[in-house]
Amino acid sequence: MESLFYMQNDTDMEPNPTPAPEEDEFPAAEKNENNADETGAAPSEENNESTPPPSLEPEQPVPNFPLPPAGPEGTGTSIITVFPKPIIPCYFCEANQNGLVRFLNAVAGYNPFLIYINNQLAVNGLNNGEMSQYGRVSAGVQTITVGGQNGYVYVEKQITVPLDRAVTVAIINTDHGLDLMVILDMYCNAGINTGCFRVCNLSVTNQGIQVILSGGTVTLFDVNYMQVTSFQYASTGFYMVSVSNSNARNGSLLLTSDIYIRGNASYTLYVFNWRNVEDAIRILIVEDRRP
């Protein structure tokens, strides 16, 4: 499964300083940031120790994707386009009973995480808004540990890796600390002229949102916290995607972005916080398609 990522930043956010490139067993994808807006207080720093492993893959060229038009005041206008590297050899497999696993850091207020599978390092230094590539992992129950650079364990939890399926494991904020959420990823079989679009709300402060593709092609109302909607069909082409609070929460527009939908591709729009205050959200649009 190939993946393409688009990141939408809120205008008021202070992006984390760009770290030196790192490689890891499940590499986080490289970023190309264009026209980033920087206002507000910088996030706190802690546990900055980092030892980058050796480089595994050469850098890949970044094509020029169109930026979205400026939205209403207070909405985001900067895009980060992320291109994952090819799937690496299998590090956590037994025989042919395997599944695909990738990780998303949807947590605000923490420094980059180290992620372990059964006490083996899988991802080294995953920032807020970053997603690793897929890695092959033995199907069945596996123990996932999320820790800091200083060895502190934030969450440890068992998940079930489905056989011959792909999942995204999101690290999320909750009212009682950090948690893991397993999201099943699926191919789109809608034909060459149609793509599939869904929304996953991981924002702990904006627990009811609505998402609309321009022209009302897709309208998803009242997407609750930790909810993953069903896929909706959309014809290929460019769209503006608008993310708002739900009508029950005044319906105010939060941000907009552009998206190009390809045929037979699946798109998941993740909504999460860059800061743990209401309306401080960002979105990550992930395209998954068959190789």
Protein backbone atom coordinates (compact mmCIF):
# COMPACT_ATOMS: atom_id res chain seq x y z
CA MET A 1 0.00 0.00 0.00
CA GLU A 2 1.45 3.35 -1.04
CA SER A 3 0.71 6.47 0.94
CA LEU A 4 0.81 10.22 0.34
CA PHE A 5 0.34 12.74 3.15
CA TYR A 6 -0.89 16.34 3.26
CA MET A 7 -0.62 18.35 6.49
CA GLN A 8 -2.72 21.44 7.23
CA ASN A 9 -1.48 23.74 10.01
CA ASP A 10 -3.58 26.19 11.97
CA THR A 11 -2.37 29.77 11.38
CA ASP A 12 -1.95 30.41 15.08
CA MET A 13 0.36 27.49 15.71
CA GLU A 14 4.07 27.64 16.48
CA PRO A 15 5.60 24.72 14.57
CA ASN A 16 8.26 22.66 16.30
CA PRO A 17 11.78 23.53 15.04
CA THR A 18 12.74 21.27 12.14
CA PRO A 19 15.02 18.53 13.56
CA ALA A 20 18.02 17.09 11.79
CA PRO A 21 16.97 14.17 9.54
CA GLU A 22 16.69 10.88 11.39
CA GLU A 23 16.18 7.34 10.21
CA ASP A 24 14.52 4.56 12.19
CA GLU A 25 13.19 1.08 11.83
CA PHE A 26 9.80 2.43 10.74
CA PRO A 27 11.05 5.73 9.24
CA ALA A 28 8.94 8.83 9.74
CA ALA A 29 8.35 10.42 6.36
CA GLU A 30 10.37 13.42 5.22
CA LYS A 31 8.74 16.84 5.17
CA ASN A 32 8.70 19.80 2.83
CA GLU A 33 7.21 22.86 4.53
CA ASN A 34 5.95 25.77 2.44
CA ASN A 35 4.89 29.22 3.69
CA ALA A 36 4.56 28.25 7.34
CA ASP A 37 2.93 30.83 9.61
CA GLU A 38 4.46 31.23 13.07
CA THR A 39 2.68 32.99 15.91
CA GLY A 40 1.96 32.27 19.57
CA ALA A 41 4.10 30.69 22.28
CA ALA A 42 6.58 27.98 21.42
CA PRO A 43 5.90 24.52 22.90
CA SER A 44 7.89 23.48 25.97
CA GLU A 45 11.13 21.57 25.55
CA GLU A 46 12.02 18.43 27.48
CA ASN A 47 13.96 15.21 26.95
CA ASN A 48 15.84 16.53 23.92
CA GLU A 49 18.37 13.72 23.87
CA SER A 50 18.38 12.00 20.48
CA THR A 51 20.76 9.57 18.82
CA PRO A 52 19.90 9.26 15.11
CA PRO A 53 20.43 5.79 13.61
CA PRO A 54 22.34 5.52 10.31
CA SER A 55 20.69 6.64 7.07
CA LEU A 56 18.76 3.89 5.26
CA GLU A 57 17.29 5.64 2.23
CA PRO A 58 18.29 8.62 0.04
CA GLU A 59 16.15 11.72 0.04
CA GLN A 60 13.36 11.81 -2.54
CA PRO A 61 12.38 14.81 -4.69
CA VAL A 62 9.24 16.66 -3.68
CA PRO A 63 6.88 17.62 -6.54
CA ASN A 64 5.13 20.97 -6.56
CA PHE A 65 1.58 20.63 -5.20
CA PRO A 66 -0.79 23.62 -5.26
CA LEU A 67 -1.35 25.51 -2.03
CA PRO A 68 -4.93 26.18 -0.88
CA PRO A 69 -6.36 29.67 -1.28
CA ALA A 70 -6.42 31.90 1.77
CA GLY A 71 -9.44 31.14 3.93
CA PRO A 72 -11.32 33.27 6.43
CA GLU A 73 -9.31 35.00 9.14
CA GLY A 74 -8.03 32.50 11.70
CA THR A 75 -7.90 29.50 9.37
CA GLY A 76 -4.78 27.77 8.18
CA THR A 77 -3.03 28.42 4.88
CA SER A 78 0.26 26.50 5.09
CA ILE A 79 0.75 23.00 3.71
CA ILE A 80 3.31 20.37 4.60
CA THR A 81 3.57 17.64 1.98
CA VAL A 82 5.07 14.37 3.17
CA PHE A 83 6.30 11.48 1.02
CA PRO A 84 6.94 8.17 2.78
CA LYS A 85 9.78 5.91 1.75
CA PRO A 86 9.32 2.37 0.38
CA ILE A 87 8.29 -0.33 2.82
CA ILE A 88 11.34 -1.71 4.58
CA PRO A 89 12.14 -5.40 5.18
CA CYS A 90 10.15 -7.19 7.82
CA TYR A 91 11.65 -6.76 11.31
CA PHE A 92 8.87 -8.15 13.46
CA CYS A 93 7.56 -11.13 11.48
CA GLU A 94 7.09 -14.85 11.97
CA ALA A 95 6.47 -17.08 8.93
CA ASN A 96 3.88 -15.52 6.61
CA GLN A 97 1.29 -14.63 9.25
CA ASN A 98 1.75 -10.87 9.12
CA GLY A 99 -0.04 -7.54 8.93
CA LEU A 100 0.99 -3.94 8.22
CA VAL A 101 1.32 -1.37 11.02
CA ARG A 102 2.14 2.35 10.97
CA PHE A 103 2.08 4.98 13.72
CA LEU A 104 0.58 8.47 13.93
CA ASN A 105 1.49 10.99 16.63
CA ALA A 106 -1.72 12.93 17.24
CA VAL A 107 -0.64 14.12 20.70
CA ALA A 108 -0.13 17.76 21.68
CA GLY A 109 2.27 18.94 24.39
CA TYR A 110 4.95 16.24 24.21
CA ASN A 111 8.39 15.90 22.69
CA PRO A 112 8.99 13.22 20.02
CA PHE A 113 8.25 9.65 21.06
CA LEU A 114 10.14 6.39 20.85
CA ILE A 115 7.80 3.53 19.92
CA TYR A 116 8.52 -0.12 20.67
CA ILE A 117 6.87 -3.34 19.52
CA ASN A 118 7.45 -6.13 22.04
CA ASN A 119 10.40 -4.18 23.48
CA GLN A 120 12.03 -3.74 20.06
CA LEU A 121 12.50 -0.17 18.85
CA ALA A 122 10.19 0.50 15.86
CA VAL A 123 10.15 4.30 15.54
CA ASN A 124 12.78 6.72 16.83
CA GLY A 125 11.53 10.29 17.27
CA LEU A 126 7.91 10.69 16.09
CA ASN A 127 6.71 14.30 16.36
CA ASN A 128 3.19 15.70 16.60
CA GLY A 129 1.56 15.32 13.19
CA GLU A 130 4.08 12.77 11.90
CA MET A 131 3.16 9.36 10.57
CA SER A 132 5.60 6.50 10.03
CA GLN A 133 5.59 4.30 6.96
CA TYR A 134 4.06 0.84 7.20
CA GLY A 135 6.11 -1.99 8.63
CA ARG A 136 5.27 -5.68 8.57
CA VAL A 137 4.48 -7.16 11.98
CA SER A 138 3.41 -10.63 13.07
CA ALA A 139 -0.37 -10.99 13.15
CA GLY A 140 -1.96 -11.41 16.56
CA VAL A 141 -1.54 -9.69 19.90
CA GLN A 142 1.47 -7.36 20.16
CA THR A 143 2.61 -5.03 22.94
CA ILE A 144 3.13 -1.38 21.95
CA THR A 145 5.14 0.88 24.23
CA VAL A 146 5.36 4.66 23.80
CA GLY A 147 8.19 6.35 25.67
CA GLY A 148 10.29 9.48 25.86
CA GLN A 149 13.95 10.02 25.03
CA ASN A 150 14.73 9.75 28.76
CA GLY A 151 13.20 6.26 29.03
CA TYR A 152 9.92 7.34 30.64
CA VAL A 153 6.99 5.15 29.54
CA TYR A 154 3.87 7.15 28.72
CA VAL A 155 1.64 4.27 27.64
CA GLU A 156 1.99 0.52 27.14
CA LYS A 157 -0.87 -1.40 25.60
CA GLN A 158 -1.60 -4.61 23.73
CA ILE A 159 -3.14 -4.38 20.27
CA THR A 160 -4.26 -7.00 17.78
CA VAL A 161 -2.56 -6.89 14.37
CA PRO A 162 -4.99 -8.37 11.81
CA LEU A 163 -3.71 -10.97 9.35
CA ASP A 164 -3.00 -9.57 5.87
CA ARG A 165 -4.58 -6.22 6.78
CA ALA A 166 -3.18 -2.75 7.45
CA VAL A 167 -3.74 -0.59 10.55
CA THR A 168 -2.76 2.85 11.77
CA VAL A 169 -1.97 3.08 15.49
CA ALA A 170 -2.65 6.63 16.65
CA ILE A 171 -1.18 8.02 19.86
CA ILE A 172 -3.87 10.33 21.23
CA ASN A 173 -4.64 12.73 24.06
CA THR A 174 -7.45 11.77 26.42
CA ASP A 175 -8.88 13.29 29.57
CA HIS A 176 -6.84 10.78 31.61
CA GLY A 177 -3.52 10.93 29.74
CA LEU A 178 -2.25 9.22 26.60
CA ASP A 179 -3.82 6.24 24.87
CA LEU A 180 -3.54 4.22 21.66
CA MET A 181 -6.26 3.89 19.04
CA VAL A 182 -6.14 1.26 16.29
CA ILE A 183 -7.65 2.34 12.95
CA LEU A 184 -8.24 -0.20 10.18
CA ASP A 185 -6.95 0.98 6.78
CA MET A 186 -8.65 -0.21 3.60
CA TYR A 187 -8.19 -0.01 -0.15
CA CYS A 188 -10.68 1.83 -2.33
CA ASN A 189 -12.31 -0.19 -5.10
CA ALA A 190 -14.50 2.55 -6.53
CA GLY A 191 -13.08 2.63 -10.07
CA ILE A 192 -10.62 4.83 -11.95
CA ASN A 193 -12.87 7.90 -11.81
CA THR A 194 -13.84 7.72 -8.12
CA GLY A 195 -11.97 7.93 -4.81
CA CYS A 196 -12.97 7.16 -1.22
CA PHE A 197 -12.94 9.75 1.60
CA ARG A 198 -13.43 9.43 5.36
CA VAL A 199 -12.73 11.41 8.56
CA CYS A 200 -11.17 10.44 11.89
CA ASN A 201 -11.59 12.91 14.76
CA LEU A 202 -8.78 12.63 17.33
CA SER A 203 -9.19 16.10 18.86
CA VAL A 204 -9.81 15.94 22.60
CA THR A 205 -10.90 19.60 22.71
CA ASN A 206 -13.16 19.67 19.62
CA GLN A 207 -15.18 16.53 20.14
CA GLY A 208 -17.82 17.33 17.53
CA ILE A 209 -16.81 18.49 14.04
CA GLN A 210 -18.21 18.56 10.53
CA VAL A 211 -16.26 18.16 7.30
CA ILE A 212 -17.46 19.23 3.85
CA LEU A 213 -15.91 18.83 0.42
CA SER A 214 -16.65 21.79 -1.86
CA GLY A 215 -20.00 21.61 -3.60
CA GLY A 216 -21.37 19.34 -0.91
CA THR A 217 -19.91 16.30 -2.69
CA VAL A 218 -19.23 14.80 0.73
CA THR A 219 -20.77 16.14 3.93
CA LEU A 220 -19.98 14.53 7.28
CA PHE A 221 -21.79 16.04 10.25
CA ASP A 222 -21.21 15.50 13.97
CA VAL A 223 -18.02 13.45 13.77
CA ASN A 224 -17.35 12.72 17.42
CA TYR A 225 -14.09 12.25 19.30
CA MET A 226 -12.38 8.93 18.39
CA GLN A 227 -14.95 8.31 15.64
CA VAL A 228 -13.89 7.03 12.21
CA THR A 229 -16.56 7.59 9.59
CA SER A 230 -17.40 5.21 6.77
CA PHE A 231 -15.83 5.90 3.40
CA GLN A 232 -17.82 8.16 1.06
CA TYR A 233 -17.36 8.21 -2.72
CA ALA A 234 -16.10 11.34 -4.52
CA SER A 235 -15.30 11.86 -8.21
CA THR A 236 -11.67 12.51 -9.12
CA GLY A 237 -10.57 16.15 -9.09
CA PHE A 238 -9.61 19.08 -6.84
CA TYR A 239 -11.78 19.97 -3.85
CA MET A 240 -11.67 22.42 -0.98
CA VAL A 241 -12.18 20.62 2.31
CA SER A 242 -13.66 22.67 5.18
CA VAL A 243 -13.47 21.61 8.82
CA SER A 244 -15.88 23.28 11.26
CA ASN A 245 -17.22 22.79 14.72
CA SER A 246 -20.49 20.90 14.72
CA ASN A 247 -23.70 22.90 14.75
CA ALA A 248 -24.15 21.96 18.40
CA ARG A 249 -20.83 23.75 19.06
CA ASN A 250 -21.73 26.93 17.09
CA GLY A 251 -20.63 25.63 13.66
CA SER A 252 -17.62 27.98 13.44
CA LEU A 253 -15.11 27.34 10.63
CA LEU A 254 -11.79 26.00 11.91
CA LEU A 255 -9.67 25.61 8.77
CA THR A 256 -9.71 24.80 5.07
CA SER A 257 -7.37 22.98 2.71
CA ASP A 258 -7.21 21.71 -0.87
CA ILE A 259 -7.26 18.05 -1.75
CA TYR A 260 -6.90 16.24 -5.06
CA ILE A 261 -8.80 12.96 -5.14
CA ARG A 262 -7.52 10.23 -7.42
CA GLY A 263 -9.43 7.22 -8.68
CA ASN A 264 -9.23 4.02 -6.63
CA ALA A 265 -7.44 5.85 -3.78
CA SER A 266 -8.53 6.03 -0.14
CA TYR A 267 -8.28 9.32 1.78
CA THR A 268 -8.42 9.67 5.55
CA LEU A 269 -8.59 13.16 7.06
CA TYR A 270 -7.25 13.06 10.63
CA VAL A 271 -8.20 15.94 12.95
CA PHE A 272 -6.13 16.45 16.10
CA ASN A 273 -4.64 19.14 18.35
CA TRP A 274 -1.33 20.94 18.02
CA ARG A 275 -2.05 22.50 21.42
CA ASN A 276 -4.47 21.36 24.12
CA VAL A 277 -6.87 24.29 23.87
CA GLU A 278 -10.16 24.48 22.02
CA ASP A 279 -9.96 25.15 18.26
CA ALA A 280 -6.15 24.66 18.18
CA ILE A 281 -6.41 21.85 15.65
CA ARG A 282 -4.54 20.68 12.58
CA ILE A 283 -5.40 18.12 9.94
CA LEU A 284 -3.46 15.39 8.19
CA ILE A 285 -4.88 14.00 4.93
CA VAL A 286 -3.45 10.59 4.06
CA GLU A 287 -3.83 8.98 0.65
CA ASP A 288 -3.55 5.19 0.48
CA ARG A 289 -3.55 3.33 -2.81
CA ARG A 290 -2.39 0.03 -4.20
CA PRO A 291 1.26 -0.04 -5.37
